Amino acid sequence: MFRYTKRPLFQITRTLNWLLVEGHQFHIPKFRTFSVEQSLPKLPVPPLEQTLKKYLDTCYPLLTEEQYKSTQEIVNRFLKNEGPALQKLLEERARKEVNWLSEWWKNWAYLDVRLPVVINVNPGIYLPRQSNRGRKEQIQFAARFIAGVLDYKIMLD
């Protein structure tokens, strides 16, 4: 809950229309972003052989012939030994979860990495280099950026 006591609230852009103002408090409504997730088809678990083939295809241009043959041997051993048991565990997880990958992805891609997130690499956002002259222009850019993100969120909802 945000409280403003010294200055009245004012609307910067239309993106703030969804906020309900009572006195100096914002009430944020519940959003619908994941409201139909249960009705969507579940993320399938790819067959183990398909995953391993894709892995080898990805490795091929990066390795020498000797390294690639060694990698193939390791993949074949994995396919014959622990691979099927791990695949069964993954399929079991997929039966229990709405999306078997989402929790792992959230942790691996966002929470476990202790490096700064590079915004320009995100496929949903591109921020060209800014030449702000002073703090006021930085704040204006940040406000426009936040307004754009809110516009996008409103479209999703």
N, C-alpha and C. Protein backbone atom coordinates (compact mmCIF):
# COMPACT_ATOMS: atom_id res chain seq x y z
N MET A 1 0.85 -1.18 0.00
CA MET A 1 0.00 0.00 0.00
C MET A 1 0.89 1.23 0.00
N PHE A 2 0.64 2.16 -0.92
CA PHE A 2 1.42 3.38 -1.00
C PHE A 2 0.65 4.52 -0.35
N ARG A 3 1.34 5.39 0.36
CA ARG A 3 0.69 6.54 0.98
C ARG A 3 1.44 7.81 0.59
N TYR A 4 0.71 8.79 0.15
CA TYR A 4 1.28 10.10 -0.15
C TYR A 4 0.63 11.10 0.78
N THR A 5 1.41 11.84 1.54
CA THR A 5 0.82 12.75 2.52
C THR A 5 1.05 14.22 2.17
N LYS A 6 2.11 14.52 1.41
CA LYS A 6 2.43 15.93 1.18
C LYS A 6 1.84 16.47 -0.11
N ARG A 7 1.77 15.66 -1.15
CA ARG A 7 1.31 16.15 -2.45
C ARG A 7 0.09 15.37 -2.92
N PRO A 8 -0.82 16.04 -3.63
CA PRO A 8 -1.97 15.30 -4.16
C PRO A 8 -1.52 14.38 -5.29
N LEU A 9 -2.30 13.33 -5.50
CA LEU A 9 -2.00 12.41 -6.59
C LEU A 9 -2.42 13.04 -7.91
N PHE A 10 -1.67 12.77 -8.93
CA PHE A 10 -2.07 13.21 -10.26
C PHE A 10 -1.78 12.11 -11.25
N GLN A 11 -2.50 12.14 -12.32
CA GLN A 11 -2.39 11.07 -13.31
C GLN A 11 -1.35 11.46 -14.36
N ILE A 12 -0.29 10.64 -14.48
CA ILE A 12 0.76 10.92 -15.45
C ILE A 12 0.30 10.50 -16.83
N THR A 13 -0.19 9.27 -16.97
CA THR A 13 -0.68 8.79 -18.26
C THR A 13 -1.95 7.99 -18.03
N ARG A 14 -2.53 7.55 -19.11
CA ARG A 14 -3.76 6.76 -19.01
C ARG A 14 -3.52 5.41 -18.37
N THR A 15 -2.26 4.99 -18.26
CA THR A 15 -1.97 3.67 -17.71
C THR A 15 -2.34 3.55 -16.25
N LEU A 16 -2.47 4.65 -15.56
CA LEU A 16 -2.80 4.58 -14.15
C LEU A 16 -4.31 4.57 -13.91
N ASN A 17 -5.10 4.52 -14.97
CA ASN A 17 -6.56 4.51 -14.82
C ASN A 17 -7.05 3.34 -13.98
N TRP A 18 -6.34 2.23 -14.00
CA TRP A 18 -6.80 1.04 -13.30
C TRP A 18 -6.58 1.12 -11.80
N LEU A 19 -5.87 2.15 -11.33
CA LEU A 19 -5.71 2.32 -9.89
C LEU A 19 -6.92 3.07 -9.33
N LEU A 20 -7.44 2.61 -8.24
CA LEU A 20 -8.54 3.29 -7.58
C LEU A 20 -7.97 4.12 -6.44
N VAL A 21 -8.25 5.40 -6.45
CA VAL A 21 -7.67 6.29 -5.44
C VAL A 21 -8.73 6.62 -4.40
N GLU A 22 -8.43 6.32 -3.16
CA GLU A 22 -9.27 6.71 -2.03
C GLU A 22 -8.39 7.44 -1.05
N GLY A 23 -8.55 8.72 -0.94
CA GLY A 23 -7.66 9.49 -0.08
C GLY A 23 -6.26 9.43 -0.66
N HIS A 24 -5.36 8.83 0.09
CA HIS A 24 -3.97 8.73 -0.36
C HIS A 24 -3.53 7.28 -0.49
N GLN A 25 -4.46 6.37 -0.75
CA GLN A 25 -4.11 4.96 -0.84
C GLN A 25 -4.45 4.41 -2.22
N PHE A 26 -3.60 3.50 -2.70
CA PHE A 26 -3.87 2.79 -3.94
C PHE A 26 -4.46 1.43 -3.58
N HIS A 27 -5.50 1.02 -4.28
CA HIS A 27 -6.03 -0.33 -4.16
C HIS A 27 -5.82 -0.99 -5.51
N ILE A 28 -4.96 -1.99 -5.57
CA ILE A 28 -4.65 -2.63 -6.83
C ILE A 28 -5.56 -3.84 -7.01
N PRO A 29 -6.36 -3.86 -8.08
CA PRO A 29 -7.27 -5.00 -8.29
C PRO A 29 -6.50 -6.27 -8.65
N LYS A 30 -7.15 -7.41 -8.44
CA LYS A 30 -6.54 -8.68 -8.84
C LYS A 30 -6.52 -8.77 -10.37
N PHE A 31 -5.47 -9.34 -10.89
CA PHE A 31 -5.32 -9.42 -12.34
C PHE A 31 -5.66 -10.81 -12.83
N ARG A 32 -5.85 -10.91 -14.15
CA ARG A 32 -6.31 -12.15 -14.76
C ARG A 32 -5.22 -12.85 -15.55
N THR A 33 -3.97 -12.46 -15.43
CA THR A 33 -2.91 -12.99 -16.28
C THR A 33 -2.90 -14.51 -16.33
N PHE A 34 -3.00 -15.18 -15.20
CA PHE A 34 -2.93 -16.65 -15.17
C PHE A 34 -4.29 -17.28 -14.89
N SER A 35 -5.36 -16.54 -15.10
CA SER A 35 -6.68 -17.03 -14.72
C SER A 35 -7.15 -18.23 -15.52
N VAL A 36 -6.66 -18.44 -16.74
CA VAL A 36 -7.10 -19.58 -17.54
C VAL A 36 -6.01 -20.64 -17.68
N GLU A 37 -4.97 -20.52 -16.89
CA GLU A 37 -3.84 -21.44 -17.02
C GLU A 37 -4.26 -22.90 -16.86
N GLN A 38 -5.20 -23.17 -15.96
CA GLN A 38 -5.64 -24.55 -15.73
C GLN A 38 -6.31 -25.16 -16.95
N SER A 39 -6.88 -24.31 -17.81
CA SER A 39 -7.59 -24.84 -18.98
C SER A 39 -6.67 -25.03 -20.19
N LEU A 40 -5.44 -24.54 -20.11
CA LEU A 40 -4.51 -24.69 -21.22
C LEU A 40 -3.89 -26.09 -21.23
N PRO A 41 -3.45 -26.56 -22.38
CA PRO A 41 -2.77 -27.86 -22.41
C PRO A 41 -1.48 -27.78 -21.60
N LYS A 42 -1.13 -28.87 -20.96
CA LYS A 42 0.09 -28.90 -20.16
C LYS A 42 1.32 -28.92 -21.07
N LEU A 43 2.42 -28.37 -20.55
CA LEU A 43 3.68 -28.43 -21.27
C LEU A 43 4.12 -29.88 -21.35
N PRO A 44 4.29 -30.41 -22.55
CA PRO A 44 4.66 -31.82 -22.66
C PRO A 44 6.13 -32.05 -22.28
N VAL A 45 6.42 -33.22 -21.79
CA VAL A 45 7.79 -33.63 -21.54
C VAL A 45 8.29 -34.27 -22.83
N PRO A 46 9.32 -33.72 -23.44
CA PRO A 46 9.80 -34.34 -24.68
C PRO A 46 10.40 -35.71 -24.40
N PRO A 47 10.30 -36.62 -25.35
CA PRO A 47 10.92 -37.94 -25.17
C PRO A 47 12.42 -37.80 -24.95
N LEU A 48 12.97 -38.70 -24.14
CA LEU A 48 14.39 -38.64 -23.80
C LEU A 48 15.27 -38.68 -25.05
N GLU A 49 14.94 -39.55 -25.98
CA GLU A 49 15.74 -39.68 -27.20
C GLU A 49 15.75 -38.37 -28.00
N GLN A 50 14.61 -37.72 -28.07
CA GLN A 50 14.52 -36.44 -28.78
C GLN A 50 15.39 -35.38 -28.10
N THR A 51 15.33 -35.33 -26.78
CA THR A 51 16.14 -34.36 -26.03
C THR A 51 17.62 -34.60 -26.25
N LEU A 52 18.04 -35.86 -26.18
CA LEU A 52 19.45 -36.17 -26.35
C LEU A 52 19.92 -35.89 -27.78
N LYS A 53 19.06 -36.15 -28.76
CA LYS A 53 19.42 -35.84 -30.15
C LYS A 53 19.59 -34.34 -30.33
N LYS A 54 18.67 -33.57 -29.76
CA LYS A 54 18.77 -32.12 -29.86
C LYS A 54 20.05 -31.62 -29.16
N TYR A 55 20.39 -32.23 -28.04
CA TYR A 55 21.62 -31.87 -27.33
C TYR A 55 22.84 -32.13 -28.22
N LEU A 56 22.88 -33.31 -28.83
CA LEU A 56 24.01 -33.64 -29.69
C LEU A 56 24.07 -32.71 -30.91
N ASP A 57 22.91 -32.42 -31.50
CA ASP A 57 22.87 -31.50 -32.65
C ASP A 57 23.39 -30.11 -32.27
N THR A 58 23.09 -29.69 -31.05
CA THR A 58 23.54 -28.39 -30.57
C THR A 58 25.05 -28.39 -30.32
N CYS A 59 25.55 -29.50 -29.81
CA CYS A 59 26.99 -29.60 -29.51
C CYS A 59 27.85 -29.71 -30.77
N TYR A 60 27.32 -30.33 -31.81
CA TYR A 60 28.12 -30.68 -32.99
C TYR A 60 28.96 -29.52 -33.55
N PRO A 61 28.36 -28.35 -33.81
CA PRO A 61 29.18 -27.28 -34.40
C PRO A 61 30.22 -26.69 -33.44
N LEU A 62 30.10 -27.00 -32.16
CA LEU A 62 30.99 -26.41 -31.17
C LEU A 62 32.18 -27.29 -30.81
N LEU A 63 32.16 -28.55 -31.23
CA LEU A 63 33.16 -29.51 -30.80
C LEU A 63 34.01 -30.01 -31.97
N THR A 64 35.20 -30.47 -31.62
CA THR A 64 36.01 -31.17 -32.62
C THR A 64 35.40 -32.56 -32.81
N GLU A 65 35.85 -33.27 -33.84
CA GLU A 65 35.34 -34.64 -34.08
C GLU A 65 35.58 -35.54 -32.86
N GLU A 66 36.76 -35.44 -32.30
CA GLU A 66 37.10 -36.27 -31.13
C GLU A 66 36.22 -35.92 -29.93
N GLN A 67 36.03 -34.64 -29.69
CA GLN A 67 35.17 -34.21 -28.57
C GLN A 67 33.72 -34.66 -28.81
N TYR A 68 33.28 -34.55 -30.06
CA TYR A 68 31.90 -34.94 -30.37
C TYR A 68 31.69 -36.44 -30.16
N LYS A 69 32.65 -37.26 -30.59
CA LYS A 69 32.54 -38.71 -30.39
C LYS A 69 32.51 -39.05 -28.91
N SER A 70 33.33 -38.37 -28.13
CA SER A 70 33.33 -38.58 -26.69
C SER A 70 31.97 -38.19 -26.08
N THR A 71 31.44 -37.08 -26.56
CA THR A 71 30.13 -36.63 -26.08
C THR A 71 29.04 -37.62 -26.46
N GLN A 72 29.11 -38.17 -27.66
CA GLN A 72 28.15 -39.19 -28.09
C GLN A 72 28.20 -40.41 -27.17
N GLU A 73 29.39 -40.84 -26.81
CA GLU A 73 29.54 -41.99 -25.91
C GLU A 73 28.92 -41.71 -24.55
N ILE A 74 29.16 -40.53 -24.03
CA ILE A 74 28.58 -40.15 -22.73
C ILE A 74 27.05 -40.13 -22.82
N VAL A 75 26.53 -39.57 -23.90
CA VAL A 75 25.07 -39.51 -24.10
C VAL A 75 24.50 -40.92 -24.21
N ASN A 76 25.16 -41.81 -24.93
CA ASN A 76 24.68 -43.19 -25.06
C ASN A 76 24.69 -43.91 -23.72
N ARG A 77 25.73 -43.70 -22.92
CA ARG A 77 25.76 -44.32 -21.58
C ARG A 77 24.61 -43.79 -20.72
N PHE A 78 24.37 -42.48 -20.81
CA PHE A 78 23.27 -41.86 -20.06
C PHE A 78 21.94 -42.46 -20.49
N LEU A 79 21.76 -42.65 -21.79
CA LEU A 79 20.52 -43.20 -22.33
C LEU A 79 20.29 -44.63 -21.84
N LYS A 80 21.35 -45.41 -21.66
CA LYS A 80 21.22 -46.80 -21.22
C LYS A 80 21.15 -46.94 -19.71
N ASN A 81 21.68 -45.98 -18.96
CA ASN A 81 21.75 -46.13 -17.50
C ASN A 81 20.73 -45.26 -16.78
N GLU A 82 21.16 -44.11 -16.31
CA GLU A 82 20.28 -43.29 -15.46
C GLU A 82 19.23 -42.49 -16.22
N GLY A 83 19.37 -42.32 -17.51
CA GLY A 83 18.44 -41.51 -18.31
C GLY A 83 16.98 -41.92 -18.18
N PRO A 84 16.64 -43.21 -18.41
CA PRO A 84 15.23 -43.60 -18.32
C PRO A 84 14.62 -43.38 -16.93
N ALA A 85 15.39 -43.63 -15.87
CA ALA A 85 14.86 -43.43 -14.52
C ALA A 85 14.59 -41.94 -14.27
N LEU A 86 15.49 -41.08 -14.72
CA LEU A 86 15.29 -39.64 -14.56
C LEU A 86 14.12 -39.15 -15.42
N GLN A 87 13.98 -39.74 -16.59
CA GLN A 87 12.86 -39.38 -17.47
C GLN A 87 11.52 -39.72 -16.79
N LYS A 88 11.46 -40.88 -16.13
CA LYS A 88 10.23 -41.27 -15.43
C LYS A 88 9.91 -40.28 -14.30
N LEU A 89 10.94 -39.84 -13.57
CA LEU A 89 10.72 -38.85 -12.51
C LEU A 89 10.20 -37.54 -13.09
N LEU A 90 10.73 -37.15 -14.23
CA LEU A 90 10.29 -35.93 -14.89
C LEU A 90 8.83 -36.07 -15.35
N GLU A 91 8.48 -37.20 -15.91
CA GLU A 91 7.09 -37.43 -16.35
C GLU A 91 6.14 -37.46 -15.17
N GLU A 92 6.59 -37.99 -14.05
CA GLU A 92 5.78 -38.00 -12.82
C GLU A 92 5.55 -36.57 -12.33
N ARG A 93 6.59 -35.77 -12.37
CA ARG A 93 6.45 -34.36 -11.98
C ARG A 93 5.46 -33.65 -12.90
N ALA A 94 5.53 -33.95 -14.20
CA ALA A 94 4.64 -33.31 -15.17
C ALA A 94 3.18 -33.67 -14.91
N ARG A 95 2.93 -34.87 -14.40
CA ARG A 95 1.55 -35.26 -14.08
C ARG A 95 1.02 -34.48 -12.87
N LYS A 96 1.90 -34.12 -11.95
CA LYS A 96 1.48 -33.45 -10.71
C LYS A 96 1.41 -31.93 -10.83
N GLU A 97 2.25 -31.35 -11.70
CA GLU A 97 2.36 -29.89 -11.80
C GLU A 97 1.58 -29.37 -13.00
N VAL A 98 1.14 -28.12 -12.91
CA VAL A 98 0.51 -27.47 -14.06
C VAL A 98 1.56 -27.29 -15.16
N ASN A 99 2.76 -26.87 -14.78
CA ASN A 99 3.86 -26.71 -15.71
C ASN A 99 5.11 -27.24 -15.02
N TRP A 100 5.62 -28.35 -15.48
CA TRP A 100 6.74 -29.02 -14.80
C TRP A 100 8.02 -28.21 -14.84
N LEU A 101 8.13 -27.26 -15.76
CA LEU A 101 9.37 -26.52 -15.94
C LEU A 101 9.38 -25.15 -15.26
N SER A 102 8.22 -24.54 -15.07
CA SER A 102 8.17 -23.13 -14.68
C SER A 102 8.91 -22.82 -13.38
N GLU A 103 8.76 -23.63 -12.36
CA GLU A 103 9.43 -23.36 -11.08
C GLU A 103 10.95 -23.45 -11.24
N TRP A 104 11.41 -24.47 -11.94
CA TRP A 104 12.85 -24.61 -12.18
C TRP A 104 13.37 -23.45 -13.00
N TRP A 105 12.62 -23.07 -14.03
CA TRP A 105 13.07 -21.97 -14.89
C TRP A 105 13.15 -20.67 -14.10
N LYS A 106 12.13 -20.40 -13.28
CA LYS A 106 12.12 -19.17 -12.48
C LYS A 106 13.37 -19.13 -11.59
N ASN A 107 13.67 -20.24 -10.96
CA ASN A 107 14.85 -20.27 -10.09
C ASN A 107 16.14 -20.17 -10.89
N TRP A 108 16.27 -20.98 -11.92
CA TRP A 108 17.52 -21.02 -12.68
C TRP A 108 17.78 -19.71 -13.42
N ALA A 109 16.78 -19.18 -14.08
CA ALA A 109 16.98 -18.02 -14.93
C ALA A 109 16.98 -16.69 -14.17
N TYR A 110 16.27 -16.64 -13.03
CA TYR A 110 16.11 -15.36 -12.37
C TYR A 110 16.62 -15.32 -10.93
N LEU A 111 16.33 -16.33 -10.14
CA LEU A 111 16.62 -16.24 -8.71
C LEU A 111 17.99 -16.76 -8.31
N ASP A 112 18.49 -17.81 -8.95
CA ASP A 112 19.77 -18.39 -8.56
C ASP A 112 20.96 -17.62 -9.11
N VAL A 113 20.78 -16.91 -10.20
CA VAL A 113 21.87 -16.18 -10.83
C VAL A 113 22.14 -14.91 -10.03
N ARG A 114 23.36 -14.73 -9.61
CA ARG A 114 23.71 -13.58 -8.79
C ARG A 114 24.39 -12.50 -9.62
N LEU A 115 24.08 -12.44 -10.90
CA LEU A 115 24.62 -11.42 -11.78
C LEU A 115 23.53 -10.42 -12.13
N PRO A 116 23.89 -9.21 -12.53
CA PRO A 116 22.86 -8.25 -12.94
C PRO A 116 22.09 -8.78 -14.15
N VAL A 117 20.81 -8.52 -14.18
CA VAL A 117 19.99 -8.92 -15.32
C VAL A 117 20.21 -7.88 -16.41
N VAL A 118 20.54 -8.36 -17.59
CA VAL A 118 20.75 -7.46 -18.72
C VAL A 118 19.41 -7.27 -19.41
N ILE A 119 18.83 -6.11 -19.25
CA ILE A 119 17.49 -5.85 -19.79
C ILE A 119 17.50 -5.91 -21.31
N ASN A 120 18.55 -5.41 -21.96
CA ASN A 120 18.57 -5.34 -23.42
C ASN A 120 18.54 -6.72 -24.07
N VAL A 121 18.85 -7.80 -23.34
CA VAL A 121 18.85 -9.14 -23.91
C VAL A 121 17.47 -9.76 -23.84
N ASN A 122 16.62 -9.25 -22.98
CA ASN A 122 15.27 -9.78 -22.84
C ASN A 122 14.52 -9.59 -24.15
N PRO A 123 13.92 -10.66 -24.70
CA PRO A 123 13.25 -10.52 -26.00
C PRO A 123 12.02 -9.63 -25.94
N GLY A 124 11.48 -9.35 -24.77
CA GLY A 124 10.29 -8.53 -24.67
C GLY A 124 10.58 -7.05 -24.52
N ILE A 125 11.81 -6.69 -24.22
CA ILE A 125 12.14 -5.28 -23.95
C ILE A 125 13.44 -4.92 -24.65
N TYR A 126 13.45 -3.79 -25.30
CA TYR A 126 14.70 -3.27 -25.85
C TYR A 126 14.79 -1.81 -25.47
N LEU A 127 15.86 -1.46 -24.79
CA LEU A 127 16.07 -0.08 -24.38
C LEU A 127 17.29 0.48 -25.10
N PRO A 128 17.09 1.36 -26.07
CA PRO A 128 18.25 1.95 -26.72
C PRO A 128 19.01 2.86 -25.76
N ARG A 129 20.25 3.13 -26.06
CA ARG A 129 21.08 3.97 -25.21
C ARG A 129 20.41 5.34 -25.06
N GLN A 130 20.37 5.84 -23.85
CA GLN A 130 19.74 7.12 -23.55
C GLN A 130 20.81 8.19 -23.37
N SER A 131 20.51 9.39 -23.77
CA SER A 131 21.43 10.51 -23.55
C SER A 131 20.71 11.55 -22.69
N ASN A 132 20.39 11.16 -21.49
CA ASN A 132 19.69 12.05 -20.57
C ASN A 132 20.64 13.14 -20.08
N ARG A 133 20.11 14.34 -20.05
CA ARG A 133 20.91 15.45 -19.54
C ARG A 133 20.35 15.85 -18.18
N GLY A 134 20.78 15.13 -17.18
CA GLY A 134 20.36 15.49 -15.83
C GLY A 134 19.34 14.53 -15.25
N ARG A 135 19.11 14.74 -13.98
CA ARG A 135 18.23 13.85 -13.21
C ARG A 135 16.77 13.93 -13.68
N LYS A 136 16.32 15.14 -14.04
CA LYS A 136 14.94 15.32 -14.46
C LYS A 136 14.62 14.45 -15.68
N GLU A 137 15.52 14.42 -16.67
CA GLU A 137 15.29 13.60 -17.86
C GLU A 137 15.34 12.12 -17.54
N GLN A 138 16.19 11.72 -16.60
CA GLN A 138 16.22 10.31 -16.18
C GLN A 138 14.90 9.91 -15.56
N ILE A 139 14.37 10.78 -14.73
CA ILE A 139 13.08 10.50 -14.06
C ILE A 139 11.96 10.45 -15.09
N GLN A 140 11.98 11.36 -16.06
CA GLN A 140 10.96 11.35 -17.11
C GLN A 140 11.02 10.06 -17.92
N PHE A 141 12.24 9.62 -18.26
CA PHE A 141 12.38 8.37 -19.01
C PHE A 141 11.87 7.19 -18.18
N ALA A 142 12.24 7.16 -16.90
CA ALA A 142 11.78 6.07 -16.02
C ALA A 142 10.26 6.06 -15.93
N ALA A 143 9.65 7.25 -15.83
CA ALA A 143 8.19 7.33 -15.75
C ALA A 143 7.55 6.82 -17.04
N ARG A 144 8.11 7.20 -18.21
CA ARG A 144 7.57 6.71 -19.49
C ARG A 144 7.73 5.19 -19.60
N PHE A 145 8.88 4.69 -19.15
CA PHE A 145 9.12 3.26 -19.20
C PHE A 145 8.12 2.50 -18.32
N ILE A 146 7.93 2.97 -17.11
CA ILE A 146 6.98 2.33 -16.19
C ILE A 146 5.56 2.41 -16.76
N ALA A 147 5.21 3.54 -17.34
CA ALA A 147 3.88 3.68 -17.95
C ALA A 147 3.70 2.68 -19.08
N GLY A 148 4.74 2.47 -19.88
CA GLY A 148 4.67 1.49 -20.96
C GLY A 148 4.51 0.07 -20.44
N VAL A 149 5.23 -0.25 -19.37
CA VAL A 149 5.10 -1.58 -18.77
C VAL A 149 3.67 -1.77 -18.24
N LEU A 150 3.12 -0.73 -17.63
CA LEU A 150 1.75 -0.83 -17.13
C LEU A 150 0.75 -0.98 -18.28
N ASP A 151 0.98 -0.26 -19.39
CA ASP A 151 0.12 -0.44 -20.57
C ASP A 151 0.12 -1.89 -21.02
N TYR A 152 1.31 -2.47 -21.08
CA TYR A 152 1.44 -3.86 -21.51
C TYR A 152 0.72 -4.79 -20.52
N LYS A 153 0.88 -4.56 -19.24
CA LYS A 153 0.22 -5.39 -18.23
C LYS A 153 -1.29 -5.29 -18.34
N ILE A 154 -1.77 -4.08 -18.58
CA ILE A 154 -3.22 -3.88 -18.75
C ILE A 154 -3.71 -4.64 -19.98
N MET A 155 -2.94 -4.61 -21.08
CA MET A 155 -3.34 -5.37 -22.28
C MET A 155 -3.39 -6.86 -21.96
N LEU A 156 -2.42 -7.36 -21.19
CA LEU A 156 -2.43 -8.78 -20.82
C LEU A 156 -3.67 -9.12 -20.02
N ASP A 157 -3.98 -8.27 -19.04
CA ASP A 157 -5.12 -8.53 -18.18
C ASP A 157 -6.42 -8.40 -18.94
